[in-house]
C-alpha atoms as a PDB file:
ATOM      1  CA  UNK A   1    -119.458 159.190 143.013  1.00  0.00           C
ATOM      2  CA  UNK A   2    -115.946 159.351 144.423  1.00  0.00           C
ATOM      3  CA  UNK A   3    -113.200 158.912 141.879  1.00  0.00           C
ATOM      4  CA  UNK A   4    -110.103 157.008 142.897  1.00  0.00           C
ATOM      5  CA  UNK A   5    -106.993 159.075 143.305  1.00  0.00           C
ATOM      6  CA  UNK A   6    -103.538 158.218 142.004  1.00  0.00           C
ATOM      7  CA  UNK A   7    -102.510 156.900 145.408  1.00  0.00           C
ATOM      8  CA  UNK A   8    -105.376 154.424 145.535  1.00  0.00           C
ATOM      9  CA  UNK A   9    -104.647 153.220 142.028  1.00  0.00           C
ATOM     10  CA  UNK A  10    -100.994 152.665 142.939  1.00  0.00           C
ATOM     11  CA  UNK A  11    -101.992 150.559 145.950  1.00  0.00           C
ATOM     12  CA  UNK A  12    -104.421 148.559 143.843  1.00  0.00           C
ATOM     13  CA  UNK A  13    -101.746 147.935 141.241  1.00  0.00           C
ATOM     14  CA  UNK A  14     -99.309 146.710 143.883  1.00  0.00           C
ATOM     15  CA  UNK A  15    -101.977 144.467 145.399  1.00  0.00           C
ATOM     16  CA  UNK A  16    -102.665 142.959 141.980  1.00  0.00           C
ATOM     17  CA  UNK A  17     -98.940 142.350 141.481  1.00  0.00           C
ATOM     18  CA  UNK A  18     -98.757 140.521 144.821  1.00  0.00           C
ATOM     19  CA  UNK A  19    -101.806 138.465 143.923  1.00  0.00           C
ATOM     20  CA  UNK A  20    -100.292 137.546 140.563  1.00  0.00           C
ATOM     21  CA  UNK A  21     -97.000 136.494 142.158  1.00  0.00           C
ATOM     22  CA  UNK A  22     -98.974 134.362 144.594  1.00  0.00           C
ATOM     23  CA  UNK A  23    -100.516 132.557 141.624  1.00  0.00           C
ATOM     24  CA  UNK A  24     -97.072 132.043 140.076  1.00  0.00           C
ATOM     25  CA  UNK A  25     -95.866 130.623 143.391  1.00  0.00           C
ATOM     26  CA  UNK A  26     -98.785 128.198 143.490  1.00  0.00           C
ATOM     27  CA  UNK A  27     -98.060 127.105 139.926  1.00  0.00           C
ATOM     28  CA  UNK A  28     -94.395 126.408 140.672  1.00  0.00           C
ATOM     29  CA  UNK A  29     -95.260 124.616 143.927  1.00  0.00           C
ATOM     30  CA  UNK A  30     -97.732 122.427 142.036  1.00  0.00           C
ATOM     31  CA  UNK A  31     -95.031 121.443 139.551  1.00  0.00           C
ATOM     32  CA  UNK A  32     -92.632 120.743 142.407  1.00  0.00           C
ATOM     33  CA  UNK A  33     -95.174 118.534 144.188  1.00  0.00           C
ATOM     34  CA  UNK A  34     -95.938 116.615 140.998  1.00  0.00           C
ATOM     35  CA  UNK A  35     -92.278 116.024 140.237  1.00  0.00           C
ATOM     36  CA  UNK A  36     -91.617 114.971 143.842  1.00  0.00           C
ATOM     37  CA  UNK A  37     -94.333 112.335 143.523  1.00  0.00           C
ATOM     38  CA  UNK A  38     -92.418 110.955 140.522  1.00  0.00           C
ATOM     39  CA  UNK A  39     -89.068 110.748 142.298  1.00  0.00           C
ATOM     40  CA  UNK A  40     -87.570 114.166 141.529  1.00  0.00           C
ATOM     41  CA  UNK A  41     -86.236 116.367 144.318  1.00  0.00           C
ATOM     42  CA  UNK A  42     -85.712 120.128 144.349  1.00  0.00           C
ATOM     43  CA  UNK A  43     -82.046 120.980 143.816  1.00  0.00           C
ATOM     44  CA  UNK A  44     -80.042 123.982 144.953  1.00  0.00           C
ATOM     45  CA  UNK A  45     -81.036 127.386 146.302  1.00  0.00           C
ATOM     46  CA  UNK A  46     -83.083 125.986 149.218  1.00  0.00           C
ATOM     47  CA  UNK A  47     -86.523 127.551 149.003  1.00  0.00           C
ATOM     48  CA  UNK A  48     -85.303 130.435 146.876  1.00  0.00           C
ATOM     49  CA  UNK A  49     -87.112 130.677 143.558  1.00  0.00           C
ATOM     50  CA  UNK A  50     -86.282 134.150 142.229  1.00  0.00           C
ATOM     51  CA  UNK A  51     -83.349 136.496 141.856  1.00  0.00           C
ATOM     52  CA  UNK A  52     -84.089 139.741 143.697  1.00  0.00           C
ATOM     53  CA  UNK A  53     -82.251 142.570 145.379  1.00  0.00           C
ATOM     54  CA  UNK A  54     -83.000 145.107 148.058  1.00  0.00           C
ATOM     55  CA  UNK A  55     -80.287 147.434 146.757  1.00  0.00           C
ATOM     56  CA  UNK A  56     -81.329 151.076 146.808  1.00  0.00           C
ATOM     57  CA  UNK A  57     -79.897 151.814 143.379  1.00  0.00           C
ATOM     58  CA  UNK A  58     -81.376 148.770 141.626  1.00  0.00           C
ATOM     59  CA  UNK A  59     -85.144 149.212 141.963  1.00  0.00           C
ATOM     60  CA  UNK A  60     -85.754 147.368 138.675  1.00  0.00           C
ATOM     61  CA  UNK A  61     -84.772 144.208 140.564  1.00  0.00           C
ATOM     62  CA  UNK A  62     -87.047 144.739 143.556  1.00  0.00           C
ATOM     63  CA  UNK A  63     -89.593 142.481 141.865  1.00  0.00           C
ATOM     64  CA  UNK A  64     -88.695 139.204 140.146  1.00  0.00           C
ATOM     65  CA  UNK A  65     -88.109 139.087 136.428  1.00  0.00           C
ATOM     66  CA  UNK A  66     -88.024 135.304 136.573  1.00  0.00           C
ATOM     67  CA  UNK A  67     -89.062 132.513 138.925  1.00  0.00           C
ATOM     68  CA  UNK A  68     -87.316 129.147 138.685  1.00  0.00           C
ATOM     69  CA  UNK A  69     -86.705 125.764 140.312  1.00  0.00           C
ATOM     70  CA  UNK A  70     -84.333 122.899 139.507  1.00  0.00           C
ATOM     71  CA  UNK A  71     -84.802 119.182 140.135  1.00  0.00           C
ATOM     72  CA  UNK A  72     -82.675 116.037 140.244  1.00  0.00           C
ATOM     73  CA  UNK A  73     -83.613 112.393 140.511  1.00  0.00           C
ATOM     74  CA  UNK A  74     -84.033 111.415 144.117  1.00  0.00           C
ATOM     75  CA  UNK A  75     -81.521 108.586 143.764  1.00  0.00           C
ATOM     76  CA  UNK A  76     -77.859 107.941 143.008  1.00  0.00           C
ATOM     77  CA  UNK A  77     -76.879 108.131 139.350  1.00  0.00           C
ATOM     78  CA  UNK A  78     -74.194 105.416 139.718  1.00  0.00           C
ATOM     79  CA  UNK A  79     -71.520 107.474 138.011  1.00  0.00           C
ATOM     80  CA  UNK A  80     -73.507 108.150 134.855  1.00  0.00           C
ATOM     81  CA  UNK A  81     -74.386 111.541 133.433  1.00  0.00           C
ATOM     82  CA  UNK A  82     -76.415 113.813 135.667  1.00  0.00           C
ATOM     83  CA  UNK A  83     -79.898 114.937 134.644  1.00  0.00           C
ATOM     84  CA  UNK A  84     -81.208 118.266 135.841  1.00  0.00           C
ATOM     85  CA  UNK A  85     -84.805 119.351 135.169  1.00  0.00           C
ATOM     86  CA  UNK A  86     -85.927 122.953 135.397  1.00  0.00           C
ATOM     87  CA  UNK A  87     -89.166 124.875 135.504  1.00  0.00           C
ATOM     88  CA  UNK A  88     -89.140 128.615 134.967  1.00  0.00           C
ATOM     89  CA  UNK A  89     -91.496 131.555 134.608  1.00  0.00           C
ATOM     90  CA  UNK A  90     -90.152 134.513 132.652  1.00  0.00           C
ATOM     91  CA  UNK A  91     -91.940 137.656 133.740  1.00  0.00           C
ATOM     92  CA  UNK A  92     -90.279 140.812 132.524  1.00  0.00           C
ATOM     93  CA  UNK A  93     -86.990 140.811 130.626  1.00  0.00           C
ATOM     94  CA  UNK A  94     -88.295 143.214 128.014  1.00  0.00           C
ATOM     95  CA  UNK A  95     -85.884 146.017 128.903  1.00  0.00           C
ATOM     96  CA  UNK A  96     -82.961 143.724 128.083  1.00  0.00           C
ATOM     97  CA  UNK A  97     -84.682 141.880 125.240  1.00  0.00           C
ATOM     98  CA  UNK A  98     -87.228 144.016 123.353  1.00  0.00           C
ATOM     99  CA  UNK A  99     -88.572 141.051 121.365  1.00  0.00           C
ATOM    100  CA  UNK A 100     -90.010 139.462 124.501  1.00  0.00           C
ATOM    101  CA  UNK A 101     -93.792 139.925 124.235  1.00  0.00           C
ATOM    102  CA  UNK A 102     -95.452 138.100 127.157  1.00  0.00           C
ATOM    103  CA  UNK A 103     -94.707 136.005 130.247  1.00  0.00           C
ATOM    104  CA  UNK A 104     -93.618 132.468 129.423  1.00  0.00           C
ATOM    105  CA  UNK A 105     -93.753 129.228 131.356  1.00  0.00           C
ATOM    106  CA  UNK A 106     -90.732 127.190 130.355  1.00  0.00           C
ATOM    107  CA  UNK A 107     -89.161 123.881 131.300  1.00  0.00           C
ATOM    108  CA  UNK A 108     -86.442 121.572 130.141  1.00  0.00           C
ATOM    109  CA  UNK A 109     -83.726 119.025 130.739  1.00  0.00           C
ATOM    110  CA  UNK A 110     -80.000 119.593 131.168  1.00  0.00           C
ATOM    111  CA  UNK A 111     -77.544 116.710 130.879  1.00  0.00           C
ATOM    112  CA  UNK A 112     -74.172 117.010 132.596  1.00  0.00           C
ATOM    113  CA  UNK A 113     -71.197 114.702 132.597  1.00  0.00           C
ATOM    114  CA  UNK A 114     -70.990 112.835 135.897  1.00  0.00           C
ATOM    115  CA  UNK A 115     -70.007 115.047 138.788  1.00  0.00           C
ATOM    116  CA  UNK A 116     -69.815 118.309 136.843  1.00  0.00           C
ATOM    117  CA  UNK A 117     -73.242 119.503 137.947  1.00  0.00           C
ATOM    118  CA  UNK A 118     -71.581 120.630 141.165  1.00  0.00           C
ATOM    119  CA  UNK A 119     -69.018 122.797 139.391  1.00  0.00           C
ATOM    120  CA  UNK A 120     -69.118 126.311 140.885  1.00  0.00           C
ATOM    121  CA  UNK A 121     -68.700 127.970 137.487  1.00  0.00           C
ATOM    122  CA  UNK A 122     -72.117 126.912 136.210  1.00  0.00           C
ATOM    123  CA  UNK A 123     -74.977 129.229 137.095  1.00  0.00           C
ATOM    124  CA  UNK A 124     -78.263 127.401 136.823  1.00  0.00           C
ATOM    125  CA  UNK A 125     -80.256 130.532 136.121  1.00  0.00           C
ATOM    126  CA  UNK A 126     -78.732 130.723 132.637  1.00  0.00           C
ATOM    127  CA  UNK A 127     -81.761 128.697 131.530  1.00  0.00           C
ATOM    128  CA  UNK A 128     -83.553 131.978 130.853  1.00  0.00           C
ATOM    129  CA  UNK A 129     -81.139 133.016 128.100  1.00  0.00           C
ATOM    130  CA  UNK A 130     -82.702 130.486 125.717  1.00  0.00           C
ATOM    131  CA  UNK A 131     -86.089 132.128 125.846  1.00  0.00           C
ATOM    132  CA  UNK A 132     -85.149 135.766 125.829  1.00  0.00           C
ATOM    133  CA  UNK A 133     -82.592 135.420 123.048  1.00  0.00           C
ATOM    134  CA  UNK A 134     -83.733 132.366 121.075  1.00  0.00           C
ATOM    135  CA  UNK A 135     -87.080 133.731 119.823  1.00  0.00           C
ATOM    136  CA  UNK A 136     -85.361 136.867 118.576  1.00  0.00           C
ATOM    137  CA  UNK A 137     -83.061 134.751 116.434  1.00  0.00           C
ATOM    138  CA  UNK A 138     -85.816 132.447 115.238  1.00  0.00           C
ATOM    139  CA  UNK A 139     -84.318 129.495 117.111  1.00  0.00           C
ATOM    140  CA  UNK A 140     -87.225 128.720 119.422  1.00  0.00           C
ATOM    141  CA  UNK A 141     -90.923 129.407 119.728  1.00  0.00           C
ATOM    142  CA  UNK A 142     -93.120 129.192 122.842  1.00  0.00           C
ATOM    143  CA  UNK A 143     -95.307 126.570 121.205  1.00  0.00           C
ATOM    144  CA  UNK A 144     -95.046 123.651 123.629  1.00  0.00           C
ATOM    145  CA  UNK A 145     -92.592 121.847 121.355  1.00  0.00           C
ATOM    146  CA  UNK A 146     -89.348 120.535 122.838  1.00  0.00           C
ATOM    147  CA  UNK A 147     -86.191 121.855 121.204  1.00  0.00           C
ATOM    148  CA  UNK A 148     -83.025 119.755 121.415  1.00  0.00           C
ATOM    149  CA  UNK A 149     -79.503 121.121 121.534  1.00  0.00           C
ATOM    150  CA  UNK A 150     -76.539 118.786 121.399  1.00  0.00           C
ATOM    151  CA  UNK A 151     -74.125 121.585 120.508  1.00  0.00           C
ATOM    152  CA  UNK A 152     -73.344 123.056 123.908  1.00  0.00           C
ATOM    153  CA  UNK A 153     -69.725 123.916 123.129  1.00  0.00           C
ATOM    154  CA  UNK A 154     -70.108 127.329 124.722  1.00  0.00           C
ATOM    155  CA  UNK A 155     -71.040 125.645 128.028  1.00  0.00           C
ATOM    156  CA  UNK A 156     -68.763 122.609 127.925  1.00  0.00           C
ATOM    157  CA  UNK A 157     -66.473 124.165 130.498  1.00  0.00           C
ATOM    158  CA  UNK A 158     -69.370 123.689 132.919  1.00  0.00           C
ATOM    159  CA  UNK A 159     -69.795 120.048 131.958  1.00  0.00           C
ATOM    160  CA  UNK A 160     -73.092 120.653 130.187  1.00  0.00           C
ATOM    161  CA  UNK A 161     -73.510 118.159 127.338  1.00  0.00           C
ATOM    162  CA  UNK A 162     -77.097 118.343 126.121  1.00  0.00           C
ATOM    163  CA  UNK A 163     -80.197 120.490 126.583  1.00  0.00           C
ATOM    164  CA  UNK A 164     -83.887 120.077 125.847  1.00  0.00           C
ATOM    165  CA  UNK A 165     -86.262 122.974 126.390  1.00  0.00           C
ATOM    166  CA  UNK A 166     -89.754 124.197 125.649  1.00  0.00           C
ATOM    167  CA  UNK A 167     -92.071 127.023 126.595  1.00  0.00           C
ATOM    168  CA  UNK A 168     -95.705 128.070 126.432  1.00  0.00           C
ATOM    169  CA  UNK A 169     -97.398 131.393 127.129  1.00  0.00           C
ATOM    170  CA  UNK A 170     -98.043 131.632 130.854  1.00  0.00           C
ATOM    171  CA  UNK A 171    -101.667 132.643 130.297  1.00  0.00           C
ATOM    172  CA  UNK A 172    -102.310 129.380 128.435  1.00  0.00           C
ATOM    173  CA  UNK A 173    -102.158 127.500 131.764  1.00  0.00           C
ATOM    174  CA  UNK A 174    -105.585 127.874 133.333  1.00  0.00           C
ATOM    175  CA  UNK A 175    -105.913 124.814 135.592  1.00  0.00           C
ATOM    176  CA  UNK A 176    -103.892 122.261 137.541  1.00  0.00           C
ATOM    177  CA  UNK A 177    -104.847 119.566 135.055  1.00  0.00           C
ATOM    178  CA  UNK A 178    -103.755 121.798 132.191  1.00  0.00           C
ATOM    179  CA  UNK A 179    -100.430 122.331 133.943  1.00  0.00           C
ATOM    180  CA  UNK A 180     -99.906 118.576 134.240  1.00  0.00           C
ATOM    181  CA  UNK A 181    -100.883 117.859 130.648  1.00  0.00           C
ATOM    182  CA  UNK A 182     -98.974 120.763 129.124  1.00  0.00           C
ATOM    183  CA  UNK A 183     -95.826 120.879 131.249  1.00  0.00           C
ATOM    184  CA  UNK A 184     -95.307 118.217 133.908  1.00  0.00           C
ATOM    185  CA  UNK A 185     -96.134 115.044 131.982  1.00  0.00           C
ATOM    186  CA  UNK A 186     -94.351 116.104 128.759  1.00  0.00           C
ATOM    187  CA  UNK A 187     -91.292 117.140 130.799  1.00  0.00           C
ATOM    188  CA  UNK A 188     -91.110 113.760 132.520  1.00  0.00           C
ATOM    189  CA  UNK A 189     -91.580 111.933 129.221  1.00  0.00           C
ATOM    190  CA  UNK A 190     -88.831 114.004 127.632  1.00  0.00           C
ATOM    191  CA  UNK A 191     -86.515 113.320 130.579  1.00  0.00           C
ATOM    192  CA  UNK A 192     -87.073 109.582 130.112  1.00  0.00           C
ATOM    193  CA  UNK A 193     -86.310 109.834 126.388  1.00  0.00           C
ATOM    194  CA  UNK A 194     -83.112 111.765 127.029  1.00  0.00           C
ATOM    195  CA  UNK A 195     -82.046 109.310 129.748  1.00  0.00           C
ATOM    196  CA  UNK A 196     -82.502 106.407 127.352  1.00  0.00           C
ATOM    197  CA  UNK A 197     -80.796 108.154 124.458  1.00  0.00           C
ATOM    198  CA  UNK A 198     -77.733 109.147 126.455  1.00  0.00           C
ATOM    199  CA  UNK A 199     -77.724 106.224 128.913  1.00  0.00           C
ATOM    200  CA  UNK A 200     -77.942 108.454 131.944  1.00  0.00           C
END
């Protein structure tokens, strides 16, 4: 029996990584399609969904550490606060945050004062800070429960007024129906509650 060499194992590992990222892409596309059917449109970044680099001296960023998409209501907000939904998959921030144990699927709602969502100072990808720092401080848990924050004083300069976020282990999502029941439907329900609470 021929034993596989190191080179073959490396190629197999890379193939598995590509296959896994393909599954993550399908998951995010499914969420995007579901939200689009409910009147939410993808916002910002075009088709980009991950922060990567091809820089020679930054090989740790050759593969995504996070995959994300943002969404806004596909209608005018008539001068009220702006709602922004997000979906994100955290893959590998463990070098920066040792307490991070497994990939997470996370989502949430941001509420901005009218017009401030376009401010250039706000970087939408800051959504990931909640889930790589929060669990270490005991603030959040990836348990499918929505956590509300109305103290966003550190982000007020960006116009951010209110946040709602939740996460679940990525491996807990095993079907399209499970994705809808665990993430999409609860996210839409939470967005409606926030809109009613804040009149936005």
